[in-house]
Structures are given as structure tokens and as C-alpha cells.
N, C-alpha and C. Protein backbone atom coordinates (compact mmCIF):
# COMPACT_ATOMS: atom_id res chain seq x y z
N MET A 1 124.72 159.05 206.27
CA MET A 1 125.64 159.92 205.54
C MET A 1 125.04 160.22 204.16
N VAL A 2 125.12 161.48 203.72
CA VAL A 2 124.58 161.89 202.45
C VAL A 2 125.73 162.20 201.49
N LYS A 3 125.67 161.65 200.30
CA LYS A 3 126.72 161.89 199.30
C LYS A 3 126.09 162.37 198.00
N VAL A 4 126.85 163.22 197.30
CA VAL A 4 126.44 163.59 195.95
C VAL A 4 126.85 162.46 195.02
N ILE A 5 125.89 161.89 194.29
CA ILE A 5 126.23 160.79 193.39
C ILE A 5 126.24 161.20 191.93
N ALA A 6 125.60 162.35 191.61
CA ALA A 6 125.60 162.79 190.21
C ALA A 6 125.18 164.24 190.13
N VAL A 7 125.63 164.92 189.11
CA VAL A 7 125.18 166.28 188.82
C VAL A 7 124.69 166.28 187.38
N VAL A 8 123.42 166.59 187.17
CA VAL A 8 122.82 166.58 185.84
C VAL A 8 122.14 167.91 185.61
N GLY A 9 122.52 168.59 184.58
CA GLY A 9 121.88 169.87 184.25
C GLY A 9 121.99 170.88 185.38
N GLY A 10 123.07 170.80 186.15
CA GLY A 10 123.28 171.76 187.23
C GLY A 10 122.60 171.36 188.52
N LEU A 11 121.85 170.25 188.55
CA LEU A 11 121.17 169.78 189.75
C LEU A 11 121.93 168.62 190.36
N ALA A 12 122.16 168.69 191.70
CA ALA A 12 122.88 167.62 192.39
C ALA A 12 121.89 166.58 192.87
N PHE A 13 122.21 165.30 192.64
CA PHE A 13 121.40 164.20 193.13
C PHE A 13 122.15 163.54 194.29
N PHE A 14 121.42 163.29 195.40
CA PHE A 14 122.03 162.80 196.62
C PHE A 14 121.54 161.39 196.94
N ALA A 15 122.34 160.68 197.73
CA ALA A 15 121.93 159.36 198.23
C ALA A 15 122.37 159.24 199.67
N ILE A 16 121.56 158.60 200.51
CA ILE A 16 121.92 158.34 201.90
C ILE A 16 122.93 157.20 201.92
N GLY A 17 123.83 157.21 202.86
CA GLY A 17 124.92 156.26 202.92
C GLY A 17 124.48 154.82 202.84
N SER A 18 123.32 154.51 203.38
CA SER A 18 122.88 153.11 203.39
C SER A 18 122.53 152.62 201.99
N TRP A 19 122.38 153.56 201.01
CA TRP A 19 122.03 153.16 199.64
C TRP A 19 123.32 153.02 198.81
N VAL A 20 124.25 152.26 199.35
CA VAL A 20 125.54 152.11 198.69
C VAL A 20 125.40 151.39 197.36
N GLY A 21 124.44 150.46 197.27
CA GLY A 21 124.26 149.65 196.07
C GLY A 21 124.08 150.49 194.82
N ALA A 22 123.32 151.59 194.92
CA ALA A 22 123.07 152.42 193.75
C ALA A 22 124.37 153.04 193.25
N GLU A 23 125.23 153.46 194.22
CA GLU A 23 126.50 154.07 193.85
C GLU A 23 127.42 153.04 193.21
N GLU A 24 127.40 151.80 193.74
CA GLU A 24 128.27 150.76 193.21
C GLU A 24 127.87 150.35 191.79
N ASN A 25 126.61 150.57 191.45
CA ASN A 25 126.14 150.16 190.12
C ASN A 25 126.56 151.12 189.02
N LEU A 26 127.02 152.32 189.38
CA LEU A 26 127.35 153.32 188.38
C LEU A 26 128.40 152.84 187.38
N PRO A 27 129.51 152.21 187.79
CA PRO A 27 130.49 151.74 186.82
C PRO A 27 129.88 150.75 185.83
N VAL A 28 128.96 149.91 186.29
CA VAL A 28 128.32 148.94 185.40
C VAL A 28 127.51 149.67 184.33
N ALA A 29 126.78 150.72 184.77
CA ALA A 29 125.99 151.51 183.82
C ALA A 29 126.90 152.16 182.80
N ASN A 30 128.07 152.66 183.27
CA ASN A 30 129.00 153.29 182.35
C ASN A 30 129.54 152.29 181.34
N GLU A 31 129.82 151.07 181.79
CA GLU A 31 130.30 150.03 180.88
C GLU A 31 129.25 149.68 179.85
N LYS A 32 127.99 149.65 180.29
CA LYS A 32 126.90 149.37 179.34
C LYS A 32 126.79 150.48 178.31
N THR A 33 126.97 151.72 178.78
CA THR A 33 126.92 152.85 177.86
C THR A 33 128.03 152.77 176.84
N LYS A 34 129.23 152.42 177.30
CA LYS A 34 130.36 152.28 176.38
C LYS A 34 130.10 151.18 175.37
N GLN A 35 129.55 150.07 175.84
CA GLN A 35 129.26 148.95 174.94
C GLN A 35 128.22 149.34 173.91
N SER A 36 127.21 150.09 174.37
CA SER A 36 126.17 150.54 173.45
C SER A 36 126.75 151.47 172.38
N ALA A 37 127.64 152.37 172.80
CA ALA A 37 128.27 153.29 171.86
C ALA A 37 129.13 152.52 170.85
N ALA A 38 129.82 151.48 171.35
CA ALA A 38 130.65 150.67 170.46
C ALA A 38 129.78 149.92 169.44
N ASP A 39 128.65 149.42 169.91
CA ASP A 39 127.73 148.73 169.00
C ASP A 39 127.19 149.68 167.93
N ASP A 40 126.84 150.91 168.37
CA ASP A 40 126.34 151.91 167.43
C ASP A 40 127.41 152.21 166.37
N ALA A 41 128.66 152.41 166.82
CA ALA A 41 129.75 152.73 165.90
C ALA A 41 129.97 151.59 164.92
N ARG A 42 129.89 150.37 165.42
CA ARG A 42 130.08 149.20 164.56
C ARG A 42 129.02 149.16 163.46
N GLN A 43 127.79 149.48 163.84
CA GLN A 43 126.69 149.39 162.88
C GLN A 43 126.73 150.52 161.85
N TYR A 44 126.94 151.78 162.31
CA TYR A 44 126.95 152.85 161.31
C TYR A 44 128.22 152.82 160.48
N SER A 45 129.31 152.31 161.04
CA SER A 45 130.52 152.16 160.24
C SER A 45 130.30 151.13 159.13
N TYR A 46 129.64 150.04 159.47
CA TYR A 46 129.33 149.03 158.45
C TYR A 46 128.40 149.61 157.40
N ALA A 47 127.40 150.39 157.86
CA ALA A 47 126.43 150.97 156.92
C ALA A 47 127.12 151.91 155.93
N ILE A 48 128.10 152.70 156.43
CA ILE A 48 128.85 153.59 155.55
C ILE A 48 129.62 152.78 154.51
N GLY A 49 130.31 151.73 154.97
CA GLY A 49 131.07 150.88 154.05
C GLY A 49 130.18 150.21 153.03
N LEU A 50 129.01 149.74 153.48
CA LEU A 50 128.07 149.08 152.58
C LEU A 50 127.57 150.04 151.50
N GLU A 51 127.27 151.28 151.92
CA GLU A 51 126.79 152.28 150.96
C GLU A 51 127.85 152.61 149.93
N ILE A 52 129.09 152.79 150.38
CA ILE A 52 130.18 153.08 149.46
C ILE A 52 130.38 151.92 148.49
N GLY A 53 130.44 150.71 149.04
CA GLY A 53 130.66 149.52 148.20
C GLY A 53 129.56 149.33 147.18
N SER A 54 128.30 149.49 147.60
CA SER A 54 127.17 149.31 146.69
C SER A 54 127.19 150.36 145.58
N SER A 55 127.53 151.59 145.95
CA SER A 55 127.56 152.67 144.98
C SER A 55 128.61 152.42 143.90
N PHE A 56 129.81 152.04 144.31
CA PHE A 56 130.87 151.80 143.34
C PHE A 56 130.62 150.52 142.55
N HIS A 57 129.98 149.55 143.17
CA HIS A 57 129.63 148.32 142.45
C HIS A 57 128.64 148.64 141.35
N ALA A 58 127.64 149.48 141.66
CA ALA A 58 126.64 149.86 140.65
C ALA A 58 127.29 150.59 139.48
N ASP A 59 128.30 151.40 139.76
CA ASP A 59 128.99 152.15 138.71
C ASP A 59 130.09 151.33 138.03
N LYS A 60 130.31 150.11 138.52
CA LYS A 60 131.35 149.22 137.97
C LYS A 60 132.71 149.90 137.99
N VAL A 61 132.98 150.57 139.12
CA VAL A 61 134.26 151.26 139.30
C VAL A 61 135.11 150.48 140.29
N GLN A 62 136.34 150.18 139.91
CA GLN A 62 137.24 149.39 140.75
C GLN A 62 137.79 150.24 141.89
N LEU A 63 137.83 149.66 143.08
CA LEU A 63 138.45 150.31 144.23
C LEU A 63 139.60 149.45 144.75
N ASP A 64 140.66 150.11 145.18
CA ASP A 64 141.75 149.42 145.87
C ASP A 64 141.45 149.50 147.37
N ILE A 65 141.03 148.39 147.95
CA ILE A 65 140.55 148.39 149.33
C ILE A 65 141.63 148.83 150.31
N GLU A 66 142.87 148.37 150.10
CA GLU A 66 143.94 148.74 151.03
C GLU A 66 144.21 150.25 150.99
N SER A 67 144.18 150.84 149.80
CA SER A 67 144.38 152.28 149.69
C SER A 67 143.21 153.03 150.31
N LEU A 68 142.00 152.50 150.12
CA LEU A 68 140.82 153.12 150.71
C LEU A 68 140.94 153.14 152.24
N LEU A 69 141.33 152.01 152.82
CA LEU A 69 141.47 151.93 154.27
C LEU A 69 142.61 152.80 154.77
N SER A 70 143.70 152.86 153.99
CA SER A 70 144.84 153.69 154.37
C SER A 70 144.43 155.16 154.42
N GLY A 71 143.72 155.62 153.41
CA GLY A 71 143.25 157.00 153.39
C GLY A 71 142.27 157.28 154.52
N LEU A 72 141.41 156.30 154.81
CA LEU A 72 140.45 156.46 155.91
C LEU A 72 141.17 156.59 157.25
N ARG A 73 142.17 155.75 157.47
CA ARG A 73 142.92 155.83 158.73
C ARG A 73 143.66 157.15 158.86
N ASP A 74 144.30 157.59 157.76
CA ASP A 74 145.04 158.85 157.81
C ASP A 74 144.10 160.02 158.08
N GLY A 75 142.92 159.98 157.49
CA GLY A 75 141.96 161.06 157.72
C GLY A 75 141.46 161.07 159.16
N LEU A 76 141.18 159.89 159.71
CA LEU A 76 140.68 159.81 161.08
C LEU A 76 141.73 160.21 162.11
N LYS A 77 143.01 159.91 161.81
CA LYS A 77 144.09 160.22 162.74
C LYS A 77 144.76 161.57 162.44
N ASP A 78 144.28 162.26 161.39
CA ASP A 78 144.85 163.54 160.99
C ASP A 78 146.33 163.39 160.64
N ASN A 79 146.68 162.26 160.01
CA ASN A 79 148.06 162.04 159.56
C ASN A 79 148.35 162.85 158.30
N ASN A 80 149.63 163.03 158.01
CA ASN A 80 150.02 163.66 156.75
C ASN A 80 149.59 162.75 155.60
N PRO A 81 148.91 163.30 154.59
CA PRO A 81 148.44 162.46 153.47
C PRO A 81 149.60 161.81 152.72
N LYS A 82 149.32 160.63 152.17
CA LYS A 82 150.32 159.91 151.38
C LYS A 82 150.61 160.64 150.07
N TYR A 83 149.57 161.29 149.52
CA TYR A 83 149.71 162.04 148.27
C TYR A 83 149.42 163.51 148.53
N ASP A 84 150.03 164.39 147.72
CA ASP A 84 149.79 165.81 147.91
C ASP A 84 148.38 166.18 147.45
N ARG A 85 147.94 167.38 147.83
CA ARG A 85 146.57 167.81 147.56
C ARG A 85 146.26 167.85 146.07
N GLU A 86 147.22 168.30 145.25
CA GLU A 86 146.99 168.39 143.82
C GLU A 86 146.75 167.01 143.21
N THR A 87 147.54 166.04 143.65
CA THR A 87 147.38 164.66 143.16
C THR A 87 146.01 164.12 143.55
N CYS A 88 145.60 164.38 144.79
CA CYS A 88 144.30 163.90 145.26
C CYS A 88 143.17 164.56 144.48
N ASN A 89 143.28 165.86 144.22
CA ASN A 89 142.25 166.56 143.46
C ASN A 89 142.13 166.01 142.04
N GLN A 90 143.28 165.75 141.41
CA GLN A 90 143.27 165.19 140.06
C GLN A 90 142.64 163.80 140.05
N ALA A 91 142.96 163.02 141.08
CA ALA A 91 142.40 161.68 141.17
C ALA A 91 140.88 161.72 141.34
N MET A 92 140.40 162.65 142.15
CA MET A 92 138.96 162.77 142.37
C MET A 92 138.25 163.24 141.10
N GLN A 93 138.90 164.12 140.33
CA GLN A 93 138.34 164.57 139.07
C GLN A 93 138.25 163.41 138.08
N GLN A 94 139.29 162.60 138.05
CA GLN A 94 139.29 161.43 137.18
C GLN A 94 138.19 160.46 137.58
N LEU A 95 138.04 160.26 138.88
CA LEU A 95 136.98 159.37 139.38
C LEU A 95 135.61 159.88 138.98
N SER A 96 135.41 161.19 139.09
CA SER A 96 134.12 161.79 138.72
C SER A 96 133.80 161.52 137.25
N GLU A 97 134.80 161.64 136.39
CA GLU A 97 134.61 161.39 134.96
C GLU A 97 134.31 159.92 134.69
N ILE A 98 135.00 159.03 135.40
CA ILE A 98 134.76 157.59 135.23
C ILE A 98 133.34 157.23 135.65
N ARG A 99 132.91 157.78 136.78
CA ARG A 99 131.57 157.45 137.28
C ARG A 99 130.49 158.04 136.37
N MET A 100 130.72 159.23 135.84
CA MET A 100 129.75 159.83 134.93
C MET A 100 129.61 159.00 133.66
N GLN A 101 130.75 158.55 133.11
CA GLN A 101 130.69 157.71 131.92
C GLN A 101 129.96 156.41 132.20
N SER A 102 130.22 155.84 133.37
CA SER A 102 129.53 154.61 133.76
C SER A 102 128.03 154.84 133.89
N HIS A 103 127.66 155.99 134.47
CA HIS A 103 126.25 156.33 134.62
C HIS A 103 125.57 156.46 133.26
N MET A 104 126.23 157.13 132.32
CA MET A 104 125.68 157.29 130.99
C MET A 104 125.51 155.94 130.30
N THR A 105 126.50 155.09 130.41
CA THR A 105 126.44 153.77 129.79
C THR A 105 125.29 152.95 130.37
N ARG A 106 125.14 153.01 131.68
CA ARG A 106 124.07 152.24 132.34
C ARG A 106 122.69 152.71 131.88
N ASN A 107 122.52 154.02 131.72
CA ASN A 107 121.23 154.56 131.26
C ASN A 107 120.95 154.20 129.80
N GLU A 108 121.99 154.24 128.97
CA GLU A 108 121.83 153.87 127.57
C GLU A 108 121.49 152.38 127.43
N GLU A 109 122.12 151.55 128.23
CA GLU A 109 121.84 150.11 128.19
C GLU A 109 120.41 149.83 128.64
N PHE A 110 119.95 150.58 129.64
CA PHE A 110 118.57 150.41 130.10
C PHE A 110 117.58 150.69 128.96
N LEU A 111 117.78 151.80 128.26
CA LEU A 111 116.86 152.17 127.18
C LEU A 111 116.92 151.14 126.05
N THR A 112 118.10 150.64 125.74
CA THR A 112 118.24 149.64 124.68
C THR A 112 117.46 148.38 125.03
N GLN A 113 117.61 147.91 126.26
CA GLN A 113 116.89 146.71 126.69
C GLN A 113 115.39 146.97 126.79
N ASN A 114 115.02 148.15 127.30
CA ASN A 114 113.61 148.46 127.49
C ASN A 114 112.87 148.56 126.16
N SER A 115 113.58 148.99 125.11
CA SER A 115 112.94 149.15 123.79
C SER A 115 112.45 147.81 123.24
N LYS A 116 112.98 146.71 123.78
CA LYS A 116 112.60 145.38 123.31
C LYS A 116 111.46 144.77 124.13
N ALA A 117 111.05 145.49 125.20
CA ALA A 117 110.02 144.95 126.09
C ALA A 117 108.65 144.97 125.42
N GLU A 118 107.81 144.04 125.83
CA GLU A 118 106.48 143.92 125.25
C GLU A 118 105.66 145.20 125.50
N GLY A 119 105.02 145.69 124.48
CA GLY A 119 104.14 146.84 124.60
C GLY A 119 104.83 148.18 124.54
N VAL A 120 106.15 148.20 124.42
CA VAL A 120 106.90 149.47 124.38
C VAL A 120 107.04 149.94 122.93
N HIS A 121 106.66 151.19 122.68
CA HIS A 121 106.78 151.81 121.36
C HIS A 121 107.95 152.80 121.39
N VAL A 122 108.70 152.84 120.30
CA VAL A 122 109.85 153.74 120.22
C VAL A 122 109.61 154.74 119.10
N LEU A 123 109.67 156.01 119.42
CA LEU A 123 109.48 157.08 118.43
C LEU A 123 110.82 157.47 117.81
N PRO A 124 110.81 158.11 116.64
CA PRO A 124 112.07 158.50 115.98
C PRO A 124 113.00 159.34 116.86
N SER A 125 112.43 160.13 117.78
CA SER A 125 113.25 160.97 118.67
C SER A 125 114.02 160.14 119.69
N GLY A 126 113.62 158.89 119.88
CA GLY A 126 114.21 158.05 120.92
C GLY A 126 113.30 157.89 122.13
N LEU A 127 112.24 158.70 122.19
CA LEU A 127 111.26 158.57 123.27
C LEU A 127 110.57 157.22 123.19
N GLN A 128 110.42 156.57 124.34
CA GLN A 128 109.72 155.29 124.42
C GLN A 128 108.48 155.46 125.29
N TYR A 129 107.41 154.74 124.92
CA TYR A 129 106.20 154.81 125.74
C TYR A 129 105.45 153.49 125.70
N LYS A 130 104.66 153.30 126.74
CA LYS A 130 103.81 152.11 126.86
C LYS A 130 102.44 152.57 127.33
N VAL A 131 101.39 152.16 126.63
CA VAL A 131 100.03 152.55 126.99
C VAL A 131 99.54 151.66 128.14
N LEU A 132 99.20 152.32 129.26
CA LEU A 132 98.69 151.59 130.42
C LEU A 132 97.17 151.58 130.44
N GLU A 133 96.57 152.72 130.08
CA GLU A 133 95.12 152.83 129.99
C GLU A 133 94.77 153.68 128.79
N GLN A 134 93.75 153.26 128.04
CA GLN A 134 93.38 153.96 126.82
C GLN A 134 92.20 154.90 127.06
N GLY A 135 92.38 156.18 126.72
CA GLY A 135 91.29 157.15 126.80
C GLY A 135 90.64 157.34 125.44
N ASP A 136 89.62 158.19 125.38
CA ASP A 136 88.94 158.43 124.11
C ASP A 136 88.68 159.92 123.88
N GLY A 137 89.39 160.78 124.62
CA GLY A 137 89.20 162.21 124.48
C GLY A 137 90.10 162.80 123.41
N PRO A 138 90.07 164.13 123.26
CA PRO A 138 90.91 164.81 122.26
C PRO A 138 92.38 164.83 122.69
N SER A 139 93.26 165.12 121.74
CA SER A 139 94.69 165.27 122.02
C SER A 139 95.03 166.75 122.12
N PRO A 140 95.85 167.14 123.03
CA PRO A 140 96.21 168.57 123.17
C PRO A 140 97.19 169.02 122.11
N LYS A 141 97.21 170.32 121.87
CA LYS A 141 98.22 170.93 121.00
C LYS A 141 99.33 171.49 121.87
N ALA A 142 100.42 171.87 121.24
CA ALA A 142 101.58 172.38 121.98
C ALA A 142 101.23 173.63 122.78
N THR A 143 100.28 174.41 122.29
CA THR A 143 99.91 175.68 122.94
C THR A 143 98.83 175.51 124.01
N ASP A 144 98.33 174.29 124.20
CA ASP A 144 97.29 174.05 125.20
C ASP A 144 97.88 173.93 126.60
N ARG A 145 97.02 174.14 127.58
CA ARG A 145 97.35 173.82 128.97
C ARG A 145 96.63 172.53 129.33
N VAL A 146 97.32 171.65 130.05
CA VAL A 146 96.73 170.36 130.40
C VAL A 146 96.82 170.11 131.90
N LYS A 147 95.93 169.26 132.37
CA LYS A 147 95.97 168.82 133.77
C LYS A 147 96.37 167.35 133.76
N THR A 148 97.38 167.02 134.56
CA THR A 148 97.87 165.64 134.60
C THR A 148 98.12 165.19 136.03
N HIS A 149 98.12 163.88 136.20
CA HIS A 149 98.70 163.24 137.37
C HIS A 149 99.93 162.50 136.89
N TYR A 150 100.99 162.47 137.69
CA TYR A 150 102.21 161.82 137.23
C TYR A 150 103.09 161.42 138.42
N ARG A 151 104.01 160.54 138.13
CA ARG A 151 105.13 160.26 139.05
C ARG A 151 106.36 160.03 138.20
N GLY A 152 107.52 160.46 138.73
CA GLY A 152 108.77 160.34 137.99
C GLY A 152 109.80 159.55 138.78
N GLN A 153 110.54 158.71 138.08
CA GLN A 153 111.56 157.86 138.71
C GLN A 153 112.85 157.86 137.89
N LEU A 154 113.96 157.61 138.58
CA LEU A 154 115.20 157.28 137.90
C LEU A 154 115.12 155.81 137.49
N ILE A 155 116.07 155.36 136.68
CA ILE A 155 115.99 153.98 136.20
C ILE A 155 116.21 152.95 137.30
N ASP A 156 116.76 153.38 138.45
CA ASP A 156 116.93 152.45 139.58
C ASP A 156 115.69 152.40 140.47
N GLY A 157 114.63 153.11 140.08
CA GLY A 157 113.39 153.09 140.84
C GLY A 157 113.24 154.21 141.84
N THR A 158 114.26 155.05 142.00
CA THR A 158 114.18 156.18 142.93
C THR A 158 113.14 157.20 142.44
N GLU A 159 112.13 157.46 143.26
CA GLU A 159 111.09 158.42 142.88
C GLU A 159 111.55 159.82 143.25
N PHE A 160 111.51 160.74 142.29
CA PHE A 160 111.96 162.10 142.56
C PHE A 160 110.83 163.12 142.56
N ASP A 161 109.66 162.73 142.06
CA ASP A 161 108.54 163.66 142.07
C ASP A 161 107.25 162.89 141.85
N SER A 162 106.15 163.38 142.43
CA SER A 162 104.86 162.70 142.27
C SER A 162 103.71 163.62 142.63
N SER A 163 102.83 163.86 141.68
CA SER A 163 101.61 164.60 141.99
C SER A 163 100.64 163.73 142.77
N TYR A 164 100.76 162.41 142.59
CA TYR A 164 99.93 161.48 143.36
C TYR A 164 100.24 161.61 144.85
N ALA A 165 101.53 161.71 145.17
CA ALA A 165 101.93 161.85 146.58
C ALA A 165 101.41 163.14 147.18
N ARG A 166 101.33 164.20 146.38
CA ARG A 166 100.80 165.47 146.85
C ARG A 166 99.28 165.51 146.82
N ASN A 167 98.70 164.49 146.16
CA ASN A 167 97.24 164.41 146.00
C ASN A 167 96.69 165.66 145.31
N GLU A 168 97.45 166.15 144.33
CA GLU A 168 97.05 167.36 143.61
C GLU A 168 97.58 167.30 142.18
N PRO A 169 96.68 167.22 141.19
CA PRO A 169 97.13 167.19 139.79
C PRO A 169 97.92 168.46 139.44
N ALA A 170 98.76 168.33 138.43
CA ALA A 170 99.57 169.46 137.98
C ALA A 170 99.01 170.01 136.67
N THR A 171 98.95 171.33 136.55
CA THR A 171 98.47 171.99 135.33
C THR A 171 99.59 172.85 134.76
N PHE A 172 99.83 172.73 133.45
CA PHE A 172 100.94 173.46 132.84
C PHE A 172 100.75 173.51 131.32
N PRO A 173 101.42 174.44 130.63
CA PRO A 173 101.39 174.46 129.17
C PRO A 173 102.19 173.28 128.60
N VAL A 174 101.69 172.70 127.55
CA VAL A 174 102.34 171.54 126.94
C VAL A 174 103.75 171.87 126.46
N ASN A 175 103.94 173.09 125.98
CA ASN A 175 105.25 173.45 125.41
C ASN A 175 106.22 174.04 126.42
N GLN A 176 105.90 173.92 127.70
CA GLN A 176 106.81 174.45 128.73
C GLN A 176 107.27 173.38 129.71
N VAL A 177 107.36 172.16 129.24
CA VAL A 177 107.89 171.06 130.04
C VAL A 177 109.06 170.44 129.27
N ILE A 178 109.63 169.38 129.78
CA ILE A 178 110.77 168.77 129.09
C ILE A 178 110.32 168.27 127.71
N PRO A 179 111.22 168.23 126.73
CA PRO A 179 110.84 167.84 125.36
C PRO A 179 110.14 166.49 125.27
N GLY A 180 110.55 165.53 126.09
CA GLY A 180 109.92 164.22 126.05
C GLY A 180 108.44 164.28 126.41
N TRP A 181 108.11 165.13 127.37
CA TRP A 181 106.71 165.32 127.75
C TRP A 181 105.94 166.06 126.66
N THR A 182 106.53 167.11 126.12
CA THR A 182 105.86 167.88 125.07
C THR A 182 105.49 166.98 123.89
N GLU A 183 106.40 166.10 123.52
CA GLU A 183 106.14 165.18 122.41
C GLU A 183 105.06 164.17 122.78
N ALA A 184 105.16 163.58 123.95
CA ALA A 184 104.22 162.53 124.34
C ALA A 184 102.81 163.07 124.53
N LEU A 185 102.68 164.22 125.19
CA LEU A 185 101.35 164.74 125.49
C LEU A 185 100.53 165.01 124.23
N GLN A 186 101.20 165.43 123.16
CA GLN A 186 100.47 165.73 121.92
C GLN A 186 100.01 164.47 121.20
N LYS A 187 100.53 163.32 121.61
CA LYS A 187 100.11 162.04 121.04
C LYS A 187 99.07 161.34 121.93
N MET A 188 98.95 161.81 123.17
CA MET A 188 98.01 161.20 124.10
C MET A 188 96.60 161.77 123.89
N GLN A 189 95.61 161.00 124.34
CA GLN A 189 94.23 161.47 124.36
C GLN A 189 93.81 161.64 125.82
N VAL A 190 92.90 162.57 126.07
CA VAL A 190 92.38 162.73 127.43
C VAL A 190 91.83 161.38 127.90
N GLY A 191 92.24 160.99 129.07
CA GLY A 191 91.87 159.68 129.61
C GLY A 191 92.98 158.65 129.48
N ASP A 192 93.98 158.96 128.66
CA ASP A 192 95.12 158.06 128.51
C ASP A 192 95.98 158.05 129.77
N LYS A 193 96.61 156.92 130.01
CA LYS A 193 97.64 156.80 131.03
C LYS A 193 98.80 156.05 130.39
N TRP A 194 99.94 156.73 130.28
CA TRP A 194 101.11 156.16 129.61
C TRP A 194 102.28 156.06 130.58
N GLN A 195 103.16 155.14 130.27
CA GLN A 195 104.47 155.09 130.92
C GLN A 195 105.48 155.58 129.90
N LEU A 196 106.23 156.60 130.28
CA LEU A 196 107.22 157.20 129.39
C LEU A 196 108.63 156.81 129.83
N PHE A 197 109.47 156.53 128.85
CA PHE A 197 110.88 156.25 129.10
C PHE A 197 111.65 157.30 128.29
N VAL A 198 112.17 158.29 129.00
CA VAL A 198 112.67 159.51 128.35
C VAL A 198 114.20 159.53 128.36
N PRO A 199 114.83 159.52 127.18
CA PRO A 199 116.30 159.66 127.13
C PRO A 199 116.73 161.00 127.73
N SER A 200 117.95 161.06 128.20
CA SER A 200 118.41 162.27 128.89
C SER A 200 118.34 163.51 128.01
N ASN A 201 118.58 163.36 126.69
CA ASN A 201 118.56 164.53 125.81
C ASN A 201 117.15 165.08 125.62
N LEU A 202 116.12 164.29 126.00
CA LEU A 202 114.74 164.77 125.96
C LEU A 202 114.23 165.10 127.36
N ALA A 203 115.17 165.06 128.33
CA ALA A 203 114.81 165.37 129.72
C ALA A 203 115.66 166.54 130.21
N TYR A 204 116.58 166.31 131.15
CA TYR A 204 117.37 167.40 131.72
C TYR A 204 118.83 167.39 131.27
N GLY A 205 119.17 166.48 130.35
CA GLY A 205 120.47 166.49 129.70
C GLY A 205 121.67 166.48 130.63
N GLU A 206 122.69 167.24 130.23
CA GLU A 206 123.95 167.25 130.97
C GLU A 206 123.87 168.03 132.27
N SER A 207 122.81 168.80 132.46
CA SER A 207 122.70 169.64 133.66
C SER A 207 122.08 168.89 134.84
N GLY A 208 121.20 167.92 134.55
CA GLY A 208 120.45 167.31 135.64
C GLY A 208 119.44 168.32 136.17
N ALA A 209 118.90 168.04 137.34
CA ALA A 209 117.89 168.95 137.91
C ALA A 209 117.85 168.87 139.42
N GLY A 210 118.01 170.03 140.04
CA GLY A 210 117.76 170.20 141.47
C GLY A 210 118.56 169.32 142.40
N GLY A 211 119.68 168.78 141.93
CA GLY A 211 120.46 167.90 142.79
C GLY A 211 119.79 166.55 143.01
N VAL A 212 118.62 166.35 142.42
CA VAL A 212 117.88 165.10 142.60
C VAL A 212 118.03 164.20 141.38
N ILE A 213 118.06 164.81 140.21
CA ILE A 213 118.23 164.08 138.96
C ILE A 213 119.66 164.29 138.47
N PRO A 214 120.49 163.25 138.47
CA PRO A 214 121.88 163.40 138.04
C PRO A 214 121.97 163.77 136.56
N PRO A 215 123.06 164.39 136.14
CA PRO A 215 123.26 164.67 134.72
C PRO A 215 123.20 163.40 133.88
N ASN A 216 122.71 163.55 132.65
CA ASN A 216 122.66 162.45 131.68
C ASN A 216 121.82 161.27 132.15
N SER A 217 120.70 161.57 132.81
CA SER A 217 119.83 160.52 133.32
C SER A 217 118.62 160.30 132.43
N ALA A 218 118.38 159.06 132.07
CA ALA A 218 117.11 158.67 131.47
C ALA A 218 116.07 158.65 132.59
N LEU A 219 114.83 159.00 132.27
CA LEU A 219 113.80 159.10 133.30
C LEU A 219 112.59 158.25 132.91
N ILE A 220 111.90 157.77 133.93
CA ILE A 220 110.68 156.99 133.74
C ILE A 220 109.53 157.76 134.37
N PHE A 221 108.47 157.98 133.60
CA PHE A 221 107.30 158.69 134.11
C PHE A 221 106.05 157.85 133.89
N GLU A 222 105.15 157.93 134.83
CA GLU A 222 103.77 157.46 134.64
C GLU A 222 102.92 158.72 134.53
N VAL A 223 102.26 158.91 133.40
CA VAL A 223 101.54 160.15 133.12
C VAL A 223 100.08 159.84 132.80
N GLU A 224 99.19 160.52 133.49
CA GLU A 224 97.75 160.39 133.26
C GLU A 224 97.23 161.74 132.76
N LEU A 225 96.72 161.78 131.53
CA LEU A 225 96.20 163.03 130.97
C LEU A 225 94.73 163.16 131.38
N ILE A 226 94.48 164.07 132.32
CA ILE A 226 93.14 164.23 132.89
C ILE A 226 92.25 165.10 132.03
N SER A 227 92.78 166.24 131.58
CA SER A 227 91.94 167.15 130.81
C SER A 227 92.79 168.18 130.10
N ILE A 228 92.18 168.85 129.10
CA ILE A 228 92.77 170.01 128.45
C ILE A 228 92.05 171.23 129.03
N GLU A 229 92.81 172.14 129.60
CA GLU A 229 92.20 173.28 130.31
C GLU A 229 91.83 174.38 129.31
């Protein structure tokens, strides 16, 4: 006896009656699939919770866990919200302001602590730098074009740009980059390699950059001055 045991992509798969064992195994396979899906859901659900918790912990923002879970359940079940839309929008705006203030405080504290580190020099503008390698070439003027290798990071170590990763030095006018770079480059000599710690007002300020650099972020750069073009 021939039976259809499955249809996949419009193609029917058949089995002869004597191959009953294969047909009987199908429920077991389905149970394994369900278990696998449950395991996947358990893991990515935990990962989402971990990411949320770590993010708010870093910002030192208090969460009410029961309210968080209540909102999550209502959203998943499409229940009527406990609070009206206007209240929720106001709450989210308040949260955004709290997190931004926390972000600014964390960046300011980093610069304050870093200014005390060995080998770090602090300029009147607030720019901090540390000499990693000493060159002996000339220093560029604001109107010069320079060739550099660099990498940029947020204070948590997140790398947002790197000419090293592209394996291609960057060439640009000294006076057409962020103020922290313009100031530092004119103090560097060709062959120098510096680490820069740039306050947000000498970087991208309240605007941030490209969705990668948050507003009011202090930045860390490793800059190698290769040549004056």
C-alpha cells in the first residue's frame, strides 16, 4: 500500500505500507521541533531581558520589574493598556531625558578620572591626550592637509570608525574635522602617535553623529600622523 506521508514545496512524498515505522516517527519529530522552538524562545527571551537590564544598569536608571512585565504581557496579548497613550508618551519622554542626563554624567566622570591617569596631558580647552609614540617631523598648520591612521571609540570601548580596519589612511584638511582633532593635530609632529580623549563639545556635541555616536559623547581616538600632504 502506498501512502502520502508529506507534501513539501508542492511535491508529494510517498511510502510503501510496510514502511510504517517512518510514518510513526513523525509525531516524535514534531515534538522535537516544538522543543527546539521552545528552547530558542527561552534563549532569545533571556537575551532580550539581559540586554535591557544591562542597558538600564549602565545608565543607573531604576526599573519597576512588575510594571515592566505587566506592560510586556499586555503588549504580547494585545490587551488594553493600563495607561493612556498620552501618559505613556510623557513617561517615555521623561525616561529619555533621565537616560541622557545619566549618559552625560557618565562621560564627564570618565574624563575627570582619565585626567588623573599617568601620562595624560590636559589642555585648557579640556582636550586630553597621551603620547604613544614620538615622531620628529614638522607640525601641520590649520590650513594643511594631513594623512593619518586612526581608530575611534566610545568610552565603553565600542569602536565606531577605523582607518586601520579599512587598511587605508585618511587624508583631510586639518581645519575641517572636529575641533578636538584640529587642536591636537597642530600640536603633533609627523611620526607622532597620540591617544586623544575628546570632550563632547570638541566632538559632535548635542547632535551626535550618524546614529553611531550618541549625543553628548566623549570620544577616544588613537591617531597616527603619517605625513603633511
